[in-house]
Protein backbone atom coordinates (compact mmCIF):
# COMPACT_ATOMS: atom_id res chain seq x y z
CA MET A 1 -38.46 58.25 20.25
CA THR A 2 -40.73 55.23 20.28
CA ILE A 3 -39.54 51.75 21.21
CA ALA A 4 -40.44 50.44 17.75
CA ARG A 5 -38.33 53.14 16.12
CA CYS A 6 -35.44 52.48 18.48
CA ALA A 7 -35.64 48.73 17.79
CA SER A 8 -35.62 49.44 14.06
CA GLY A 9 -32.47 51.51 14.45
CA TRP A 10 -30.76 48.76 16.45
CA ARG A 11 -31.76 46.15 13.85
CA HIS A 12 -30.23 48.32 11.14
CA ALA A 13 -27.02 48.81 13.16
CA LEU A 14 -26.68 45.09 13.87
CA GLU A 15 -27.20 43.90 10.28
CA GLY A 16 -23.46 43.74 9.60
CA ALA A 17 -22.59 42.34 13.03
CA ASP A 18 -24.39 39.09 12.26
CA ASP A 19 -22.18 38.49 9.19
CA PRO A 20 -19.99 35.37 9.55
CA ARG A 21 -17.17 37.24 7.80
CA VAL A 22 -17.01 39.72 10.69
CA GLU A 23 -16.58 36.88 13.16
CA ARG A 24 -13.89 35.29 11.02
CA TYR A 25 -12.10 38.65 10.79
CA ARG A 26 -12.08 38.89 14.59
CA GLN A 27 -10.65 35.37 14.84
CA LEU A 28 -7.89 36.10 12.34
CA LEU A 29 -7.07 39.39 14.04
CA ALA A 30 -6.61 37.51 17.31
CA VAL A 31 -4.28 34.98 15.67
CA ILE A 32 -2.16 37.69 14.03
CA ASN A 33 -1.85 39.65 17.28
CA GLY A 34 -1.29 36.62 19.51
CA TRP A 35 -4.50 37.20 21.45
CA PRO A 36 -6.76 34.43 22.75
CA ALA A 37 -9.52 33.48 20.32
CA PRO A 38 -12.65 35.55 20.96
CA PRO A 39 -15.85 33.71 21.84
CA SER A 40 -18.41 33.30 19.10
CA LEU A 41 -21.14 35.93 19.22
CA ALA A 42 -23.25 34.39 16.43
CA LEU A 43 -25.92 33.06 18.79
CA VAL A 44 -26.05 36.34 20.70
CA PHE A 45 -26.58 38.38 17.54
CA ALA A 46 -29.14 35.90 16.20
CA TRP A 47 -31.10 36.08 19.46
CA LEU A 48 -30.89 39.88 19.64
CA SER A 49 -31.97 40.29 16.02
CA ALA A 50 -34.95 37.98 16.59
CA ALA A 51 -35.89 39.85 19.77
CA LEU A 52 -35.78 43.22 18.00
CA ARG A 53 -37.96 41.88 15.17
CA THR A 54 -40.70 41.01 17.67
CA VAL A 55 -41.30 44.63 18.72
CA PRO A 56 -44.66 45.54 17.17
CA ALA A 57 -44.52 48.36 14.62
CA GLY A 58 -47.19 50.40 16.38
CA TYR A 59 -45.71 50.02 19.88
CA SER A 60 -45.12 53.54 21.19
CA LYS A 61 -44.47 53.21 24.93
CA THR A 62 -41.42 55.30 25.86
């Protein structure tokens, strides 16, 4: 599997993770269960998505 193909798969898998509704769901779940509020992962997912978009399409080093 090439790096570009792997990056494409990760981008596809992370599309829903960057949704603000997912983060809100995690916050509400913590409140309901009496857990501490989870840290925001919005910046992490934004950075990771941007990093995965920079992998050139023809890059094939394994």
